[in-house]
Protein backbone atom coordinates (compact mmCIF):
# COMPACT_ATOMS: atom_id res chain seq x y z
CA UNK A 1 82.41 104.58 122.75
CA UNK A 2 82.40 102.00 119.26
CA UNK A 3 86.08 101.63 118.13
CA UNK A 4 86.91 100.34 114.65
CA UNK A 5 89.95 98.96 113.12
CA UNK A 6 90.41 98.98 109.45
CA UNK A 7 92.97 97.98 107.57
CA UNK A 8 93.51 99.67 104.12
CA UNK A 9 91.78 102.49 104.72
CA UNK A 10 93.40 104.64 102.47
CA UNK A 11 91.98 104.28 99.77
CA UNK A 12 89.22 102.47 97.93
CA UNK A 13 86.27 100.40 100.22
CA UNK A 14 88.54 100.54 102.72
CA UNK A 15 88.77 104.43 102.82
CA UNK A 16 84.71 103.64 102.01
CA UNK A 17 84.26 102.07 105.01
CA UNK A 18 85.78 104.30 107.02
CA UNK A 19 84.19 107.67 105.42
CA UNK A 20 80.91 106.21 106.68
CA UNK A 21 81.70 105.09 110.28
CA UNK A 22 82.48 108.92 111.32
CA UNK A 23 80.76 110.09 113.30
CA UNK A 24 80.07 110.71 116.96
CA UNK A 25 81.21 109.06 119.78
CA UNK A 26 83.71 106.76 117.00
CA UNK A 27 86.85 105.90 117.01
CA UNK A 28 88.92 105.17 113.82
CA UNK A 29 92.00 103.30 113.43
CA UNK A 30 92.92 103.06 110.08
CA UNK A 31 96.22 101.66 108.96
CA UNK A 32 97.89 101.00 105.82
CA UNK A 33 100.66 102.14 103.85
CA UNK A 34 99.71 105.48 103.29
CA UNK A 35 97.13 108.07 104.87
CA UNK A 36 93.70 109.28 103.22
CA UNK A 37 93.63 112.75 103.34
CA UNK A 38 90.04 112.92 102.79
CA UNK A 39 89.99 110.70 106.14
CA UNK A 40 92.67 112.74 107.68
CA UNK A 41 90.78 116.19 106.69
CA UNK A 42 88.01 114.48 109.07
CA UNK A 43 89.83 113.65 111.95
CA UNK A 44 88.72 115.35 115.68
CA UNK A 45 85.47 116.69 113.29
CA UNK A 46 82.24 115.26 114.26
CA UNK A 47 82.73 113.62 118.20
CA UNK A 48 85.16 111.05 115.99
CA UNK A 49 88.73 110.13 117.17
CA UNK A 50 90.71 109.66 113.93
CA UNK A 51 93.64 107.27 114.41
CA UNK A 52 96.49 107.07 111.56
CA UNK A 53 99.49 103.67 111.15
CA UNK A 54 101.42 103.66 108.47
CA UNK A 55 102.07 99.86 107.93
CA UNK A 56 103.07 97.49 105.45
CA UNK A 57 101.11 93.85 105.56
CA UNK A 58 103.29 91.92 103.52
CA UNK A 59 105.33 92.52 107.08
CA UNK A 60 103.70 89.83 109.29
CA UNK A 61 106.57 89.03 111.38
CA UNK A 62 105.52 92.28 112.71
CA UNK A 63 101.81 92.34 113.16
CA UNK A 64 102.35 91.70 117.36
CA UNK A 65 103.59 94.80 117.68
CA UNK A 66 101.40 96.50 115.99
CA UNK A 67 98.18 95.03 117.20
CA UNK A 68 99.50 95.73 121.03
CA UNK A 69 99.97 99.77 119.63
CA UNK A 70 96.17 99.49 118.00
CA UNK A 71 95.24 98.28 121.48
CA UNK A 72 97.11 100.90 123.14
CA UNK A 73 94.78 103.22 121.90
CA UNK A 74 91.84 102.00 123.17
CA UNK A 75 90.16 103.42 126.15
CA UNK A 76 88.58 99.52 126.77
CA UNK A 77 86.76 101.34 130.47
CA UNK A 78 84.60 103.19 128.35
CA UNK A 79 83.90 100.56 125.08
CA UNK A 80 80.65 100.02 123.39
CA UNK A 81 82.32 97.56 121.26
CA UNK A 82 85.48 96.54 119.65
CA UNK A 83 85.30 96.72 115.70
CA UNK A 84 87.76 94.93 112.83
CA UNK A 85 87.88 95.28 109.31
CA UNK A 86 90.34 93.18 107.82
CA UNK A 87 89.90 94.37 104.08
CA UNK A 88 93.34 95.49 102.65
CA UNK A 89 94.52 92.80 100.18
CA UNK A 90 96.18 93.04 96.50
CA UNK A 91 95.20 91.36 93.43
CA UNK A 92 98.52 91.02 91.78
CA UNK A 93 100.27 88.85 90.48
CA UNK A 94 97.97 88.00 87.33
CA UNK A 95 98.52 85.07 85.27
CA UNK A 96 99.45 81.54 85.34
CA UNK A 97 100.64 80.05 88.08
CA UNK A 98 103.97 79.14 86.32
CA UNK A 99 104.29 82.25 85.48
CA UNK A 100 104.37 84.39 88.45
CA UNK A 101 107.06 84.73 91.04
CA UNK A 102 108.05 83.22 93.90
CA UNK A 103 108.41 87.14 95.72
CA UNK A 104 104.96 88.01 94.27
CA UNK A 105 103.46 85.14 95.59
CA UNK A 106 104.66 84.96 98.93
CA UNK A 107 103.71 88.40 99.53
CA UNK A 108 100.34 88.40 98.49
CA UNK A 109 99.41 85.72 100.27
CA UNK A 110 101.43 87.21 103.53
CA UNK A 111 98.99 90.44 102.45
CA UNK A 112 95.24 88.58 101.65
CA UNK A 113 95.35 85.31 104.07
CA UNK A 114 98.01 85.36 106.26
CA UNK A 115 98.58 88.95 107.40
CA UNK A 116 94.27 89.24 108.26
CA UNK A 117 94.60 85.87 110.02
CA UNK A 118 97.46 86.90 112.79
CA UNK A 119 95.16 90.60 112.83
CA UNK A 120 92.76 88.52 113.99
CA UNK A 121 94.34 85.97 116.44
CA UNK A 122 96.08 88.77 117.84
CA UNK A 123 92.50 90.84 118.12
CA UNK A 124 90.88 87.75 119.81
CA UNK A 125 94.00 87.33 122.07
CA UNK A 126 94.15 91.34 123.37
CA UNK A 127 90.27 91.40 123.86
CA UNK A 128 89.02 87.70 125.37
CA UNK A 129 88.76 89.88 129.24
CA UNK A 130 86.33 92.48 127.34
CA UNK A 131 82.59 91.90 127.91
CA UNK A 132 81.54 94.32 124.83
CA UNK A 133 80.48 93.60 121.86
CA UNK A 134 83.21 92.41 119.47
CA UNK A 135 83.23 91.78 115.95
CA UNK A 136 84.94 91.06 112.88
CA UNK A 137 84.21 91.24 108.37
CA UNK A 138 86.94 89.59 106.45
CA UNK A 139 86.56 90.97 102.79
CA UNK A 140 85.97 88.34 100.62
CA UNK A 141 85.25 87.70 97.23
CA UNK A 142 83.35 86.05 94.64
CA UNK A 143 86.57 84.18 93.69
CA UNK A 144 86.69 82.22 96.99
CA UNK A 145 83.97 80.32 95.04
CA UNK A 146 85.22 80.32 91.63
CA UNK A 147 88.02 79.78 89.74
CA UNK A 148 88.94 82.68 87.23
CA UNK A 149 92.30 81.49 85.33
CA UNK A 150 95.46 83.69 86.35
CA UNK A 151 94.18 84.50 89.70
CA UNK A 152 95.41 81.50 91.47
CA UNK A 153 96.91 83.49 94.14
CA UNK A 154 93.71 86.26 94.63
CA UNK A 155 91.34 82.56 94.06
CA UNK A 156 93.47 81.10 97.15
CA UNK A 157 93.71 83.45 99.14
CA UNK A 158 90.20 84.73 100.01
CA UNK A 159 89.59 80.66 99.60
CA UNK A 160 91.40 80.74 102.66
CA UNK A 161 90.26 83.77 104.28
CA UNK A 162 86.12 82.06 103.97
CA UNK A 163 87.42 78.90 105.93
CA UNK A 164 89.00 80.60 108.37
CA UNK A 165 86.70 82.60 109.11
CA UNK A 166 84.47 79.71 110.11
CA UNK A 167 87.16 77.60 111.77
CA UNK A 168 87.43 80.88 114.10
CA UNK A 169 83.22 81.39 115.14
CA UNK A 170 83.49 77.79 115.75
CA UNK A 171 86.48 77.95 118.58
CA UNK A 172 84.99 81.55 120.16
CA UNK A 173 81.30 79.41 120.24
CA UNK A 174 81.43 78.35 123.84
CA UNK A 175 84.24 81.20 125.41
CA UNK A 176 82.92 83.17 128.23
CA UNK A 177 83.06 87.02 126.30
CA UNK A 178 83.10 85.25 122.14
CA UNK A 179 83.92 87.52 119.17
CA UNK A 180 81.65 87.39 116.45
CA UNK A 181 83.19 86.83 112.63
CA UNK A 182 81.86 86.73 108.93
CA UNK A 183 84.04 86.73 105.96
CA UNK A 184 81.79 89.17 103.55
CA UNK A 185 81.82 89.64 100.08
CA UNK A 186 81.15 93.45 98.94
CA UNK A 187 80.49 92.81 95.30
CA UNK A 188 82.45 94.39 92.20
CA UNK A 189 83.59 97.94 93.42
CA UNK A 190 85.35 101.03 91.53
CA UNK A 191 88.37 101.16 92.75
CA UNK A 192 92.28 100.72 91.82
CA UNK A 193 92.11 97.31 91.70
CA UNK A 194 89.77 97.02 89.32
CA UNK A 195 91.63 99.69 86.92
CA UNK A 196 94.28 97.00 87.19
CA UNK A 197 92.58 94.54 86.09
CA UNK A 198 90.86 96.15 83.05
CA UNK A 199 94.62 96.85 82.37
CA UNK A 200 96.28 93.88 82.82
CA UNK A 201 97.35 91.61 79.67
CA UNK A 202 94.55 89.49 78.47
CA UNK A 203 96.67 86.45 77.84
CA UNK A 204 97.41 87.01 81.50
CA UNK A 205 94.01 87.37 82.59
CA UNK A 206 91.93 85.25 79.79
CA UNK A 207 88.32 87.16 81.64
CA UNK A 208 89.46 90.64 81.57
CA UNK A 209 86.83 91.83 78.19
CA UNK A 210 84.86 90.91 81.18
CA UNK A 211 85.48 93.73 83.79
CA UNK A 212 86.10 96.31 81.55
CA UNK A 213 82.30 95.58 80.15
CA UNK A 214 81.67 95.76 83.95
CA UNK A 215 82.88 99.30 84.04
CA UNK A 216 81.34 100.75 80.94
CA UNK A 217 78.09 99.41 81.96
CA UNK A 218 78.22 100.85 85.13
CA UNK A 219 77.63 97.83 87.06
CA UNK A 220 80.20 98.75 89.33
CA UNK A 221 79.68 99.57 92.94
CA UNK A 222 81.46 103.11 94.20
CA UNK A 223 83.04 102.65 97.70
CA UNK A 224 80.82 104.49 99.46
CA UNK A 225 77.61 102.28 98.58
CA UNK A 226 79.42 99.77 99.50
CA UNK A 227 81.41 100.55 102.89
CA UNK A 228 77.45 101.80 103.40
CA UNK A 229 76.80 98.55 103.28
CA UNK A 230 79.64 97.13 105.86
CA UNK A 231 78.70 99.49 108.07
CA UNK A 232 75.24 98.77 108.81
CA UNK A 233 75.65 94.97 108.52
CA UNK A 234 78.90 95.19 110.89
CA UNK A 235 76.27 96.63 113.65
CA UNK A 236 73.26 94.85 112.45
CA UNK A 237 71.84 92.65 114.89
CA UNK A 238 71.23 90.40 111.83
CA UNK A 239 75.08 89.66 112.25
CA UNK A 240 75.54 86.17 112.09
CA UNK A 241 78.71 85.16 113.09
CA UNK A 242 80.37 81.90 111.48
CA UNK A 243 78.41 83.37 108.36
CA UNK A 244 79.59 83.73 104.40
CA UNK A 245 77.61 86.24 102.55
CA UNK A 246 78.34 87.91 99.38
CA UNK A 247 76.43 91.59 99.10
CA UNK A 248 74.39 91.78 95.82
């Protein structure tokens, strides 16, 4: 059985990835602040096991306990692979750095950077002894490479994810049973986050018109199409640990 741990699988890209992974001998562990009704309706179907854990990633002090619970749901004796997709993320606060509330900045970095770092660290510790396929995809963004006015928190968090990915890949090179890890920018996807961006006052995000045009001109990917691409990479022989890629 293949086991898939997905953060933020209740909506958007995370839900798109999870729905693509529903299939025989697959075990999906979703944790997010809410459940996906669509994913929940598939529980027990297609010989697929789906577990839901409600968790708010800003509670970083509880990540260790969460990951122990996740691995208690995994039968490592029959594992053909254990996969982690660090997908959950937020866009707010948006606006010039000096106008962003400190609590909002702190929560943003907890959710977008610290939580995936801690989840990854726990994943490595709890699977270190397992001789099976172990892969992690961290969801990144073009914002990791290009600065955007009003996105100081978002750009910083995604840049951190990319560098963290490279560090982990370096550390895992000489391990007996290494974890493979990649950072993937999935493209611009038609999600609630995009709606939030389009509704942001222009004085806080001066690139707003460009994102409205993406929607109006049909340039946004669907979560299902992006989810399919992530699934294919996760299970592909082309998976290259330490690489940072864009799915155009």
